[in-house]
Each structure stands twice: as structure tokens, then as C-alpha cells.
Protein backbone atom coordinates (compact mmCIF):
# COMPACT_ATOMS: atom_id res chain seq x y z
CA UNK A 1 0.00 0.00 0.00
CA UNK A 2 1.39 3.36 -0.98
CA UNK A 3 0.29 6.41 0.94
CA UNK A 4 1.29 9.82 -0.30
CA UNK A 5 3.21 12.14 1.96
CA UNK A 6 0.33 14.61 1.76
CA UNK A 7 -2.22 12.15 3.12
CA UNK A 8 0.11 11.14 5.95
CA UNK A 9 0.72 14.79 6.80
CA UNK A 10 -2.99 15.62 6.95
CA UNK A 11 -3.73 12.60 9.14
CA UNK A 12 -0.89 13.58 11.48
CA UNK A 13 -2.26 17.13 11.72
CA UNK A 14 -5.78 15.91 12.48
CA UNK A 15 -4.58 13.46 15.13
CA UNK A 16 -2.25 15.97 16.82
CA UNK A 17 -4.77 18.82 16.74
CA UNK A 18 -7.55 16.51 17.90
CA UNK A 19 -5.46 15.25 20.79
CA UNK A 20 -4.69 18.79 21.84
CA UNK A 21 -8.35 19.79 21.63
CA UNK A 22 -9.35 16.66 23.55
CA UNK A 23 -7.07 17.69 26.37
CA UNK A 24 -8.35 21.27 26.22
CA UNK A 25 -11.98 20.07 26.50
CA UNK A 26 -11.43 18.41 29.88
CA UNK A 27 -12.97 21.41 31.63
CA UNK A 28 -15.72 21.83 29.02
CA UNK A 29 -14.37 25.10 27.62
CA UNK A 30 -11.71 25.79 25.00
CA UNK A 31 -10.00 29.10 25.68
CA UNK A 32 -8.41 31.19 22.97
CA UNK A 33 -4.94 30.15 24.13
CA UNK A 34 -5.90 26.47 23.98
CA UNK A 35 -7.34 26.91 20.49
CA UNK A 36 -4.19 28.64 19.27
CA UNK A 37 -2.08 25.90 20.83
CA UNK A 38 -4.13 23.20 19.08
CA UNK A 39 -3.72 25.02 15.77
CA UNK A 40 0.04 25.37 16.22
CA UNK A 41 0.36 21.70 17.20
CA UNK A 42 -1.59 20.66 14.09
CA UNK A 43 0.51 22.89 11.82
CA UNK A 44 3.71 21.61 13.42
CA UNK A 45 2.71 17.99 12.86
CA UNK A 46 1.65 18.75 9.29
CA UNK A 47 4.98 20.38 8.49
CA UNK A 48 7.12 17.78 10.23
CA UNK A 49 5.47 14.78 8.58
CA UNK A 50 5.32 16.44 5.17
CA UNK A 51 9.00 17.40 5.32
CA UNK A 52 10.33 13.91 6.08
CA UNK A 53 10.61 11.89 2.84
CA UNK A 54 9.14 8.42 2.53
CA UNK A 55 11.60 5.56 2.80
CA UNK A 56 12.39 3.88 -0.50
CA UNK A 57 11.14 0.27 -0.62
CA UNK A 58 13.83 -2.39 -0.33
CA UNK A 59 14.55 -4.54 -3.35
CA UNK A 60 13.35 -8.09 -2.56
CA UNK A 61 16.23 -9.61 -4.56
């Protein structure tokens, strides 16, 4: 299965941002600072995963 680096990056951003928002929702309210933090975490994950190249498959020979 071949997954593009874009798809992996978007999934990483959603998971990281969602995790941050899940933690922020523990008290039932998301403050502006928590929202900005979740956005920055998502953007950081997106950029980090997108930047790292996929490993080349090994030759089975």
C-alpha cells in the first residue's frame, strides 16, 4: 500500500490537533490560548510529517 506524503501529513495534523483539543476540552471550555495551541500543534505535525521523505522500498532480490 502506498500512501502519499500529503495524506500522511494531513492525518498527522488531524490526530495531533484533535489530541490537543481533547485535552483542552477536559474542563468543558476551549479558551483562545488552547485553540491557538491546538492550531500550532496541528501545523507543526503537518509540516514535520510532510517534510520527512518516505523511505524507499527495499529490493526483494
